[in-house]
Amino acid sequence: MSIFRNKVVVITGGSEGIGKALVDAFLELGAKVATCGRNYDKLYHLQSIHPGRPLLIQTADVSKEQDCSHFIDTVIQSFGTIDILINNAGISMRSLVADVSLDAIKTVMDINFWGTVCCTKFALPYVIQNKGTIVGVSSVAGYRGLPGRSGYSASKFAVNGWLESLRTELLESGTNIMWVCPGFTSSNIRNVALNQKGEAQGESKMDEVSLMSSAECANHIIEAIAKRKRTLVLTATGKQAVFMNRFFPSWADKLVRKFYFKNGELVK
């Protein structure tokens, strides 16, 4: 029997990508799942492919404190408690610092960092009571600043640091705090990444077919939750980047620069 059967799992940003894969997987494991997103049509479609299963959907923008509060309140009204919170909702960006608008960076911070803070804050009493798990879906960009992703890297560094502080505070509570770094994973995040004007760029520069699938990524995350891990860094490239940046930072600067630039132009 699955250890997640009848557990209440809350996943932000569950209408597509890794979030949707997590919703699908947890429902298969017998959990009660609640998810939110900004697009009602995508959420409705998600619900329609899981008829009869305990899936709660709600339209919410995690960059807004009131939406986060209302979402968590609705979960409690529906399921009574929360065992696992996965802060998955996020957005990326692609622009050089010299070109990007401050509003674009602020939008990324509001969704990625403040969305995690607000949802965690409102869900925290219930997760602590159940000695459950809080997860932040972070990024290798939270360990290593990436060119063209300054706001994204800043938001993920902030998520990692904030969750590390929370983990230390709750070390003796029986509650597990974990952040996971998927690395390059096939999802829609690059298509909706903000450009220098704060608008969705609408295309991916990556070869999505060659990347780890969202379903595989979700399975790794679920396994890490079951084992109550502290951190999870996926993909060989991601692990190499974290290792190189920790022990050989100057060399990492050059390798990252070479990866993202060609003839002085940002290409990825």
C-alpha atoms as a PDB file:
ATOM      1  CA  MET A   1       0.000   0.000   0.000  1.00  0.00           C
ATOM      2  CA  SER A   2       1.256   3.475  -0.877  1.00  0.00           C
ATOM      3  CA  ILE A   3       2.471   5.598   2.043  1.00  0.00           C
ATOM      4  CA  PHE A   4       0.671   8.507   0.379  1.00  0.00           C
ATOM      5  CA  ARG A   5      -2.787   6.902   0.426  1.00  0.00           C
ATOM      6  CA  ASN A   6      -5.324   9.355   1.893  1.00  0.00           C
ATOM      7  CA  LYS A   7      -2.602  11.943   2.535  1.00  0.00           C
ATOM      8  CA  VAL A   8      -3.572  15.494   1.606  1.00  0.00           C
ATOM      9  CA  VAL A   9      -1.095  16.834  -0.947  1.00  0.00           C
ATOM     10  CA  VAL A  10      -1.199  20.481  -2.037  1.00  0.00           C
ATOM     11  CA  ILE A  11       0.593  21.403  -5.267  1.00  0.00           C
ATOM     12  CA  THR A  12       0.771  24.932  -6.631  1.00  0.00           C
ATOM     13  CA  GLY A  13       0.984  25.395 -10.389  1.00  0.00           C
ATOM     14  CA  GLY A  14      -0.483  21.980 -11.122  1.00  0.00           C
ATOM     15  CA  SER A  15      -2.130  22.625 -14.478  1.00  0.00           C
ATOM     16  CA  GLU A  16       0.885  21.706 -16.620  1.00  0.00           C
ATOM     17  CA  GLY A  17       4.524  20.592 -16.617  1.00  0.00           C
ATOM     18  CA  ILE A  18       6.042  19.166 -13.459  1.00  0.00           C
ATOM     19  CA  GLY A  19       3.060  20.298 -11.398  1.00  0.00           C
ATOM     20  CA  LYS A  20       0.579  18.357 -13.516  1.00  0.00           C
ATOM     21  CA  ALA A  21       2.842  15.305 -13.487  1.00  0.00           C
ATOM     22  CA  LEU A  22       2.911  15.498  -9.681  1.00  0.00           C
ATOM     23  CA  VAL A  23      -0.886  15.757  -9.533  1.00  0.00           C
ATOM     24  CA  ASP A  24      -1.273  12.724 -11.819  1.00  0.00           C
ATOM     25  CA  ALA A  25       1.247  10.659  -9.849  1.00  0.00           C
ATOM     26  CA  PHE A  26      -0.093  11.446  -6.378  1.00  0.00           C
ATOM     27  CA  LEU A  27      -3.658  10.651  -7.439  1.00  0.00           C
ATOM     28  CA  GLU A  28      -2.439   7.289  -8.754  1.00  0.00           C
ATOM     29  CA  LEU A  29      -0.850   6.700  -5.342  1.00  0.00           C
ATOM     30  CA  GLY A  30      -4.169   7.255  -3.593  1.00  0.00           C
ATOM     31  CA  ALA A  31      -3.581  10.737  -2.212  1.00  0.00           C
ATOM     32  CA  LYS A  32      -6.122  13.537  -1.930  1.00  0.00           C
ATOM     33  CA  VAL A  33      -4.777  16.336  -4.089  1.00  0.00           C
ATOM     34  CA  ALA A  34      -5.435  20.072  -4.247  1.00  0.00           C
ATOM     35  CA  THR A  35      -3.881  22.278  -6.883  1.00  0.00           C
ATOM     36  CA  CYS A  36      -4.105  25.815  -8.162  1.00  0.00           C
ATOM     37  CA  GLY A  37      -3.145  27.748 -11.258  1.00  0.00           C
ATOM     38  CA  ARG A  38      -3.988  30.920 -13.128  1.00  0.00           C
ATOM     39  CA  ASN A  39      -5.662  29.235 -16.111  1.00  0.00           C
ATOM     40  CA  TYR A  40      -9.093  27.811 -15.255  1.00  0.00           C
ATOM     41  CA  ASP A  41      -9.465  25.966 -18.574  1.00  0.00           C
ATOM     42  CA  LYS A  42      -6.272  23.994 -17.954  1.00  0.00           C
ATOM     43  CA  LEU A  43      -7.347  23.211 -14.404  1.00  0.00           C
ATOM     44  CA  TYR A  44     -10.786  22.095 -15.600  1.00  0.00           C
ATOM     45  CA  HIS A  45      -9.178  19.820 -18.191  1.00  0.00           C
ATOM     46  CA  LEU A  46      -6.972  18.344 -15.462  1.00  0.00           C
ATOM     47  CA  GLN A  47     -10.016  17.605 -13.345  1.00  0.00           C
ATOM     48  CA  SER A  48     -11.868  16.089 -16.310  1.00  0.00           C
ATOM     49  CA  ILE A  49      -9.183  13.457 -16.858  1.00  0.00           C
ATOM     50  CA  HIS A  50      -9.456  12.323 -13.232  1.00  0.00           C
ATOM     51  CA  PRO A  51     -13.198  11.723 -12.798  1.00  0.00           C
ATOM     52  CA  GLY A  52     -14.248  10.453  -9.387  1.00  0.00           C
ATOM     53  CA  ARG A  53     -10.873  11.076  -7.799  1.00  0.00           C
ATOM     54  CA  PRO A  54     -10.291  13.387  -4.809  1.00  0.00           C
ATOM     55  CA  LEU A  55      -8.922  16.358  -6.763  1.00  0.00           C
ATOM     56  CA  LEU A  56      -9.609  19.946  -5.744  1.00  0.00           C
ATOM     57  CA  ILE A  57      -8.847  22.686  -8.268  1.00  0.00           C
ATOM     58  CA  GLN A  58      -8.858  26.432  -7.728  1.00  0.00           C
ATOM     59  CA  THR A  59      -7.870  29.420  -9.809  1.00  0.00           C
ATOM     60  CA  ALA A  60      -5.202  31.391  -7.974  1.00  0.00           C
ATOM     61  CA  ASP A  61      -2.249  33.658  -8.636  1.00  0.00           C
ATOM     62  CA  VAL A  62       0.399  32.818  -6.027  1.00  0.00           C
ATOM     63  CA  SER A  63       1.984  36.241  -6.423  1.00  0.00           C
ATOM     64  CA  LYS A  64      -1.072  37.573  -4.569  1.00  0.00           C
ATOM     65  CA  GLU A  65      -1.169  36.959  -0.810  1.00  0.00           C
ATOM     66  CA  GLN A  66      -4.961  36.926  -0.747  1.00  0.00           C
ATOM     67  CA  ASP A  67      -5.136  34.223  -3.427  1.00  0.00           C
ATOM     68  CA  CYS A  68      -2.669  32.076  -1.478  1.00  0.00           C
ATOM     69  CA  SER A  69      -4.662  32.492   1.728  1.00  0.00           C
ATOM     70  CA  HIS A  70      -7.954  31.692   0.010  1.00  0.00           C
ATOM     71  CA  PHE A  71      -6.492  28.624  -1.686  1.00  0.00           C
ATOM     72  CA  ILE A  72      -5.151  27.143   1.550  1.00  0.00           C
ATOM     73  CA  ASP A  73      -8.413  27.974   3.365  1.00  0.00           C
ATOM     74  CA  THR A  74     -10.351  26.139   0.644  1.00  0.00           C
ATOM     75  CA  VAL A  75      -8.097  23.096   1.016  1.00  0.00           C
ATOM     76  CA  ILE A  76      -8.747  22.998   4.756  1.00  0.00           C
ATOM     77  CA  GLN A  77     -12.499  23.386   4.233  1.00  0.00           C
ATOM     78  CA  SER A  78     -12.479  20.525   1.738  1.00  0.00           C
ATOM     79  CA  PHE A  79      -9.937  18.076   3.180  1.00  0.00           C
ATOM     80  CA  GLY A  80      -9.498  19.222   6.795  1.00  0.00           C
ATOM     81  CA  THR A  81      -5.700  19.255   6.871  1.00  0.00           C
ATOM     82  CA  ILE A  82      -2.481  19.299   4.819  1.00  0.00           C
ATOM     83  CA  ASP A  83       0.233  16.633   4.941  1.00  0.00           C
ATOM     84  CA  ILE A  84       2.441  17.746   2.055  1.00  0.00           C
ATOM     85  CA  LEU A  85       2.835  21.143   0.397  1.00  0.00           C
ATOM     86  CA  ILE A  86       4.748  21.355  -2.886  1.00  0.00           C
ATOM     87  CA  ASN A  87       5.516  24.918  -3.947  1.00  0.00           C
ATOM     88  CA  ASN A  88       5.816  24.268  -7.667  1.00  0.00           C
ATOM     89  CA  ALA A  89       4.321  27.375  -9.291  1.00  0.00           C
ATOM     90  CA  GLY A  90       7.013  29.403 -10.981  1.00  0.00           C
ATOM     91  CA  ILE A  91       8.046  31.505 -13.922  1.00  0.00           C
ATOM     92  CA  SER A  92      11.371  32.118 -15.647  1.00  0.00           C
ATOM     93  CA  MET A  93      12.902  35.001 -17.582  1.00  0.00           C
ATOM     94  CA  ARG A  94      15.361  35.502 -20.413  1.00  0.00           C
ATOM     95  CA  SER A  95      17.061  38.869 -20.718  1.00  0.00           C
ATOM     96  CA  LEU A  96      20.378  40.480 -19.952  1.00  0.00           C
ATOM     97  CA  VAL A  97      20.485  42.691 -16.864  1.00  0.00           C
ATOM     98  CA  ALA A  98      21.343  45.706 -19.012  1.00  0.00           C
ATOM     99  CA  ASP A  99      18.139  45.247 -21.019  1.00  0.00           C
ATOM    100  CA  VAL A 100      15.562  43.849 -18.595  1.00  0.00           C
ATOM    101  CA  SER A 101      12.856  45.976 -17.004  1.00  0.00           C
ATOM    102  CA  LEU A 102      12.677  46.084 -13.222  1.00  0.00           C
ATOM    103  CA  ASP A 103       9.019  45.079 -13.437  1.00  0.00           C
ATOM    104  CA  ALA A 104      10.007  41.794 -15.097  1.00  0.00           C
ATOM    105  CA  ILE A 105      12.369  40.937 -12.246  1.00  0.00           C
ATOM    106  CA  LYS A 106       9.741  41.940  -9.677  1.00  0.00           C
ATOM    107  CA  THR A 107       7.151  39.683 -11.333  1.00  0.00           C
ATOM    108  CA  VAL A 108       9.524  36.718 -11.198  1.00  0.00           C
ATOM    109  CA  MET A 109      10.297  37.384  -7.516  1.00  0.00           C
ATOM    110  CA  ASP A 110       6.610  37.791  -6.641  1.00  0.00           C
ATOM    111  CA  ILE A 111       5.664  34.437  -8.151  1.00  0.00           C
ATOM    112  CA  ASN A 112       8.691  32.294  -7.359  1.00  0.00           C
ATOM    113  CA  PHE A 113       9.711  33.640  -3.945  1.00  0.00           C
ATOM    114  CA  TRP A 114       6.676  35.329  -2.419  1.00  0.00           C
ATOM    115  CA  GLY A 115       4.363  32.628  -3.755  1.00  0.00           C
ATOM    116  CA  THR A 116       6.422  30.052  -1.886  1.00  0.00           C
ATOM    117  CA  VAL A 117       6.556  32.182   1.257  1.00  0.00           C
ATOM    118  CA  CYS A 118       2.832  32.909   1.372  1.00  0.00           C
ATOM    119  CA  CYS A 119       1.558  29.403   0.633  1.00  0.00           C
ATOM    120  CA  THR A 120       4.038  27.913   3.097  1.00  0.00           C
ATOM    121  CA  LYS A 121       3.115  30.404   5.813  1.00  0.00           C
ATOM    122  CA  PHE A 122      -0.617  29.677   5.537  1.00  0.00           C
ATOM    123  CA  ALA A 123      -0.174  25.881   5.308  1.00  0.00           C
ATOM    124  CA  LEU A 124       2.549  25.639   7.972  1.00  0.00           C
ATOM    125  CA  PRO A 125       0.437  24.932  11.110  1.00  0.00           C
ATOM    126  CA  TYR A 126      -1.261  21.954   9.475  1.00  0.00           C
ATOM    127  CA  VAL A 127       1.935  20.464   8.041  1.00  0.00           C
ATOM    128  CA  ILE A 128       3.700  20.830  11.410  1.00  0.00           C
ATOM    129  CA  GLN A 129       0.776  19.184  13.195  1.00  0.00           C
ATOM    130  CA  ASN A 130       1.044  16.191  10.850  1.00  0.00           C
ATOM    131  CA  LYS A 131       4.859  16.152  10.872  1.00  0.00           C
ATOM    132  CA  GLY A 132       4.608  16.357   7.128  1.00  0.00           C
ATOM    133  CA  THR A 133       6.731  17.778   4.338  1.00  0.00           C
ATOM    134  CA  ILE A 134       7.105  21.148   2.646  1.00  0.00           C
ATOM    135  CA  VAL A 135       8.835  21.182  -0.740  1.00  0.00           C
ATOM    136  CA  GLY A 136      10.162  24.052  -2.795  1.00  0.00           C
ATOM    137  CA  VAL A 137      10.665  23.306  -6.478  1.00  0.00           C
ATOM    138  CA  SER A 138      13.819  25.325  -6.984  1.00  0.00           C
ATOM    139  CA  SER A 139      16.488  25.134  -9.672  1.00  0.00           C
ATOM    140  CA  VAL A 140      20.182  24.757 -10.300  1.00  0.00           C
ATOM    141  CA  ALA A 141      19.849  28.524 -10.855  1.00  0.00           C
ATOM    142  CA  GLY A 142      19.358  28.692  -7.094  1.00  0.00           C
ATOM    143  CA  TYR A 143      22.914  27.418  -6.610  1.00  0.00           C
ATOM    144  CA  ARG A 144      24.577  29.082  -9.590  1.00  0.00           C
ATOM    145  CA  GLY A 145      23.629  32.454 -11.078  1.00  0.00           C
ATOM    146  CA  LEU A 146      22.806  32.026 -14.762  1.00  0.00           C
ATOM    147  CA  PRO A 147      23.275  34.730 -17.425  1.00  0.00           C
ATOM    148  CA  GLY A 148      20.032  35.984 -18.893  1.00  0.00           C
ATOM    149  CA  ARG A 149      18.193  34.645 -15.848  1.00  0.00           C
ATOM    150  CA  SER A 150      19.248  37.126 -13.166  1.00  0.00           C
ATOM    151  CA  GLY A 151      15.768  37.564 -11.686  1.00  0.00           C
ATOM    152  CA  TYR A 152      15.070  33.834 -11.902  1.00  0.00           C
ATOM    153  CA  SER A 153      18.368  32.978 -10.200  1.00  0.00           C
ATOM    154  CA  ALA A 154      17.718  35.591  -7.509  1.00  0.00           C
ATOM    155  CA  SER A 155      14.271  34.149  -6.805  1.00  0.00           C
ATOM    156  CA  LYS A 156      15.569  30.592  -6.528  1.00  0.00           C
ATOM    157  CA  PHE A 157      18.525  31.598  -4.325  1.00  0.00           C
ATOM    158  CA  ALA A 158      15.941  33.294  -2.116  1.00  0.00           C
ATOM    159  CA  VAL A 159      13.728  30.190  -2.034  1.00  0.00           C
ATOM    160  CA  ASN A 160      16.664  27.962  -1.095  1.00  0.00           C
ATOM    161  CA  GLY A 161      17.839  30.289   1.665  1.00  0.00           C
ATOM    162  CA  TRP A 162      14.364  30.833   3.068  1.00  0.00           C
ATOM    163  CA  LEU A 163      13.581  27.117   3.153  1.00  0.00           C
ATOM    164  CA  GLU A 164      16.961  26.365   4.725  1.00  0.00           C
ATOM    165  CA  SER A 165      16.141  28.844   7.497  1.00  0.00           C
ATOM    166  CA  LEU A 166      12.731  27.235   7.973  1.00  0.00           C
ATOM    167  CA  ARG A 167      14.228  23.752   7.985  1.00  0.00           C
ATOM    168  CA  THR A 168      16.635  24.746  10.748  1.00  0.00           C
ATOM    169  CA  GLU A 169      13.826  26.298  12.798  1.00  0.00           C
ATOM    170  CA  LEU A 170      11.758  23.096  12.509  1.00  0.00           C
ATOM    171  CA  LEU A 171      14.609  20.628  12.878  1.00  0.00           C
ATOM    172  CA  GLU A 172      13.210  19.130  16.078  1.00  0.00           C
ATOM    173  CA  SER A 173       9.537  19.281  15.084  1.00  0.00           C
ATOM    174  CA  GLY A 174       9.423  16.165  12.927  1.00  0.00           C
ATOM    175  CA  THR A 175       8.545  18.313   9.893  1.00  0.00           C
ATOM    176  CA  ASN A 176      10.675  17.871   6.785  1.00  0.00           C
ATOM    177  CA  ILE A 177      11.656  20.804   4.579  1.00  0.00           C
ATOM    178  CA  MET A 178      13.104  20.001   1.184  1.00  0.00           C
ATOM    179  CA  TRP A 179      14.037  21.861  -1.982  1.00  0.00           C
ATOM    180  CA  VAL A 180      14.478  20.151  -5.309  1.00  0.00           C
ATOM    181  CA  CYS A 181      16.379  21.310  -8.381  1.00  0.00           C
ATOM    182  CA  PRO A 182      15.108  19.582 -11.523  1.00  0.00           C
ATOM    183  CA  GLY A 183      17.749  20.961 -13.884  1.00  0.00           C
ATOM    184  CA  PHE A 184      16.683  21.210 -17.525  1.00  0.00           C
ATOM    185  CA  THR A 185      13.316  19.424 -17.671  1.00  0.00           C
ATOM    186  CA  SER A 186      10.816  19.273 -20.509  1.00  0.00           C
ATOM    187  CA  SER A 187       8.035  21.690 -19.515  1.00  0.00           C
ATOM    188  CA  ASN A 188       6.320  24.880 -20.598  1.00  0.00           C
ATOM    189  CA  ILE A 189       8.357  27.145 -18.286  1.00  0.00           C
ATOM    190  CA  ARG A 190      10.710  28.328 -21.033  1.00  0.00           C
ATOM    191  CA  ASN A 191       7.841  29.135 -23.432  1.00  0.00           C
ATOM    192  CA  VAL A 192       6.206  31.402 -20.867  1.00  0.00           C
ATOM    193  CA  ALA A 193       9.498  32.835 -19.611  1.00  0.00           C
ATOM    194  CA  LEU A 194       9.456  36.617 -19.492  1.00  0.00           C
ATOM    195  CA  ASN A 195      11.480  38.645 -21.956  1.00  0.00           C
ATOM    196  CA  GLN A 196      13.122  42.004 -21.248  1.00  0.00           C
ATOM    197  CA  LYS A 197       9.728  43.755 -21.347  1.00  0.00           C
ATOM    198  CA  GLY A 198       8.126  41.301 -18.912  1.00  0.00           C
ATOM    199  CA  GLU A 199       6.130  39.558 -21.673  1.00  0.00           C
ATOM    200  CA  ALA A 200       6.027  35.819 -22.420  1.00  0.00           C
ATOM    201  CA  GLN A 201       8.695  35.031 -24.993  1.00  0.00           C
ATOM    202  CA  GLY A 202       6.525  32.296 -26.535  1.00  0.00           C
ATOM    203  CA  GLU A 203       9.306  29.970 -27.622  1.00  0.00           C
ATOM    204  CA  SER A 204      11.988  27.747 -26.167  1.00  0.00           C
ATOM    205  CA  LYS A 205      15.647  27.885 -27.163  1.00  0.00           C
ATOM    206  CA  MET A 206      16.191  24.396 -25.744  1.00  0.00           C
ATOM    207  CA  ASP A 207      15.776  21.015 -27.443  1.00  0.00           C
ATOM    208  CA  GLU A 208      12.841  19.951 -25.288  1.00  0.00           C
ATOM    209  CA  VAL A 209      12.762  16.413 -26.709  1.00  0.00           C
ATOM    210  CA  SER A 210      16.198  15.607 -25.284  1.00  0.00           C
ATOM    211  CA  LEU A 211      15.347  16.755 -21.748  1.00  0.00           C
ATOM    212  CA  MET A 212      14.083  14.777 -18.769  1.00  0.00           C
ATOM    213  CA  SER A 213      10.299  14.405 -18.926  1.00  0.00           C
ATOM    214  CA  SER A 214       8.035  16.038 -16.361  1.00  0.00           C
ATOM    215  CA  ALA A 215       6.709  12.611 -15.366  1.00  0.00           C
ATOM    216  CA  GLU A 216      10.196  11.277 -14.650  1.00  0.00           C
ATOM    217  CA  CYS A 217      11.021  14.421 -12.689  1.00  0.00           C
ATOM    218  CA  ALA A 218       7.819  14.043 -10.652  1.00  0.00           C
ATOM    219  CA  ASN A 219       8.683  10.449  -9.798  1.00  0.00           C
ATOM    220  CA  HIS A 220      12.108  11.517  -8.501  1.00  0.00           C
ATOM    221  CA  ILE A 221      10.492  14.215  -6.357  1.00  0.00           C
ATOM    222  CA  ILE A 222       7.940  11.798  -4.897  1.00  0.00           C
ATOM    223  CA  GLU A 223      10.670   9.286  -4.069  1.00  0.00           C
ATOM    224  CA  ALA A 224      12.665  12.034  -2.333  1.00  0.00           C
ATOM    225  CA  ILE A 225       9.599  13.055  -0.315  1.00  0.00           C
ATOM    226  CA  ALA A 226       9.072   9.443   0.745  1.00  0.00           C
ATOM    227  CA  LYS A 227      12.700   9.280   1.902  1.00  0.00           C
ATOM    228  CA  ARG A 228      12.377  12.712   3.575  1.00  0.00           C
ATOM    229  CA  LYS A 229      15.484  14.019   1.864  1.00  0.00           C
ATOM    230  CA  ARG A 230      16.927  17.475   2.482  1.00  0.00           C
ATOM    231  CA  THR A 231      17.751  18.378  -1.109  1.00  0.00           C
ATOM    232  CA  LEU A 232      17.471  16.823  -4.535  1.00  0.00           C
ATOM    233  CA  VAL A 233      19.485  17.885  -7.585  1.00  0.00           C
ATOM    234  CA  LEU A 234      18.494  16.101 -10.784  1.00  0.00           C
ATOM    235  CA  THR A 235      20.312  15.530 -14.094  1.00  0.00           C
ATOM    236  CA  ALA A 236      24.035  15.030 -14.564  1.00  0.00           C
ATOM    237  CA  THR A 237      24.411  18.576 -15.885  1.00  0.00           C
ATOM    238  CA  GLY A 238      22.709  20.002 -12.815  1.00  0.00           C
ATOM    239  CA  LYS A 239      24.884  18.037 -10.405  1.00  0.00           C
ATOM    240  CA  GLN A 240      28.008  19.009 -12.318  1.00  0.00           C
ATOM    241  CA  ALA A 241      27.038  22.694 -12.205  1.00  0.00           C
ATOM    242  CA  VAL A 242      26.493  22.636  -8.437  1.00  0.00           C
ATOM    243  CA  PHE A 243      29.763  20.780  -7.858  1.00  0.00           C
ATOM    244  CA  MET A 244      31.814  23.019 -10.137  1.00  0.00           C
ATOM    245  CA  ASN A 245      30.368  26.211  -8.695  1.00  0.00           C
ATOM    246  CA  ARG A 246      31.115  25.092  -5.146  1.00  0.00           C
ATOM    247  CA  PHE A 247      34.697  23.965  -5.634  1.00  0.00           C
ATOM    248  CA  PHE A 248      35.853  25.716  -8.817  1.00  0.00           C
ATOM    249  CA  PRO A 249      33.783  28.932  -9.063  1.00  0.00           C
ATOM    250  CA  SER A 250      36.073  30.789 -11.498  1.00  0.00           C
ATOM    251  CA  TRP A 251      36.154  27.821 -13.839  1.00  0.00           C
ATOM    252  CA  ALA A 252      32.366  27.548 -13.515  1.00  0.00           C
ATOM    253  CA  ASP A 253      32.038  31.192 -14.615  1.00  0.00           C
ATOM    254  CA  LYS A 254      33.829  30.377 -17.864  1.00  0.00           C
ATOM    255  CA  LEU A 255      31.942  27.136 -18.525  1.00  0.00           C
ATOM    256  CA  VAL A 256      28.548  28.722 -17.891  1.00  0.00           C
ATOM    257  CA  ARG A 257      29.469  31.683 -20.069  1.00  0.00           C
ATOM    258  CA  LYS A 258      30.481  29.329 -22.889  1.00  0.00           C
ATOM    259  CA  PHE A 259      27.240  27.342 -22.547  1.00  0.00           C
ATOM    260  CA  TYR A 260      24.925  30.352 -22.753  1.00  0.00           C
ATOM    261  CA  PHE A 261      26.793  32.639 -25.160  1.00  0.00           C
ATOM    262  CA  LYS A 262      27.968  32.331 -28.758  1.00  0.00           C
ATOM    263  CA  ASN A 263      29.937  35.115 -30.430  1.00  0.00           C
ATOM    264  CA  GLY A 264      29.030  37.377 -27.545  1.00  0.00           C
ATOM    265  CA  GLU A 265      25.275  36.769 -27.988  1.00  0.00           C
ATOM    266  CA  LEU A 266      22.998  35.108 -25.458  1.00  0.00           C
ATOM    267  CA  VAL A 267      21.761  31.995 -27.262  1.00  0.00           C
ATOM    268  CA  LYS A 268      20.055  29.944 -24.547  1.00  0.00           C
END
